[in-house]
Amino acid sequence: MWNKPYTLKEGTAIVIGLLVTGGLLQATMGPLEWGIFIWPANIIILILFILALVAVFMRRRHSYLCRFMTTMQAAIPAIAAAAILTLLMGVTRQAAEGKSPFDPVGLTKMLNFWPFILVYLWMTAIVGEVTLNQIAHFSWRRLPTLTSHAGLFIVLTCGTLGSADMLRVKMYCETGQPEWRGLDAFGSVHHLPVAIQLEKFTIDEYPPKLMLIDKKGLPLPQGKPENLLVEKNMTTGQLLDCRIEILKRIDNAIPVTLNQMVGKVPEGMMANIRMDSLGQAQNKKGYMATDARGSACALLVKVTTGARAGDGKSPSGKGQPRTATGWITSGSYLFPYQALQLPDGRKLAMPDREPRRFASVVDIYTQSGQNIQTEIEVNKPFNIEGWKIYQLSYNEQMGKWSNLSVFELVTDPWLPVVYIGIFLLLFGAVGMFLTASRKKEVEA
């Protein structure tokens, strides 16, 4: 080894040396914290890195190692090691930002793992040297290759160093109260140039579901529970051995007992009223329709237990179908859920309804004087002055009556530069494809 010309053995030895060096750094210094490269440190590091690459390129005539960096024998082991580490990162659960790795080595926080960083630094240096070499020996015929390498270099450097300037915070907004503070992953408070005031929270829910539960509250059958979706105009349905008749449906309902209790309470105390399990058990008068906050879907059902459809046998072995009639509801923040007790000890219950879509109508204010009213929906972020605002969550305990929306605000000043690199990569790929097709036509 180390006899000129260098081969894949020398290229592999360099990569192994970087992995060992990275392992020693990981053991002695711990994972690298990218927060130290926040602006202007990242632009200074980038300029110094580019100047170092230029200096190495100018030493090519006097140093064989500098010339070796632009060869396939150096690039292939670096790309292979980077690909293996990236694959390892993809198949292992990575720790979130601000959290410690799950394993003692640090593989579960790969972006802060020194061997990973050094390998990618070496590969980026190779890409940079190849790019400088192609610029020094420029020809229009090689333009697609040049743009591909330049684009890859921009993505690797700016995407990495720019990550320190990316800010991702959560903002908790209550109805009618403007909020401009956000919490990052470390729990630090950031005063943002964007303020949000929640005007209205809306949610669309899937139809209610019914399921059978045992005495311990576990869904049946155990291991593979089944449920019955109650569509709007549904009157009867079959769930396991139970025939279910919907006698009455109230989409927005509260217990009659709770309504009578609220009517006797001073208005200022109504927000603190909540029916407990004992009060729900004593709810003999059923439910009534209302437009008040805290209502939930309630069903009056008749359940006939007995023979399964088609086999004529009773699962309880008694052979005689039995019936039970009563109200069921998933409950809300005002009152607990209510299930129907069946003669065989099981219960028919309605789990919490699942959200199909939720969104927030908000007023957005910026330091530049903008005032925009818009609706922010899940997976449909709103962009304003370099910020992306995502609908993240809400007060799940209050459900559709939530007066709280949780937004995630993200800004990444380096993202446009990364997009330029991606565009150059695509331009180069298309150019190389067209050039290769033209060569084949000429040869034919």
Foldseek 3Di string as FASTA:
>chain_A
DPDPPDALVVLLVVLVVQLVVLQVCCVPVNFDDLLVLAPPNLVVVVVVLLVVLVVLLVCVVPDVVSVCLQDPSNQVNLVVVLVVLVVLQVVAQADDPPDAAPDPRRSSPSLRRRSNVSSLVSNLSSLSNNLVVCVVVDDPLCLLVNLQSVLVNLLSSLVSSLVSHKFKFKDKEFAPDKDQWTQGPNRDIDRHQKIKHFHAKAFDFFAWKKFKAFLVRHTPPPPDHDIDGDDDPDAWDDHFQKIKGFPDKAAFKDQPLQVVVLVVDDPVCSVVAADEPVNVVVRPPGIDHDPDAFTGMKTWMKMKGAGHPPPQGHPVRPSDIDIWTDMFTPGALRYHTDWTQDPVRMTMYIHDTGTPWMKTFMWMAGPVGDTDTDIAIAPRWDDDPQKTKHFDAFPVRRPRSTRMTMIMIIGRPSVVSSVSSVVSSVSSVVSVVVSVVVVVVVVD
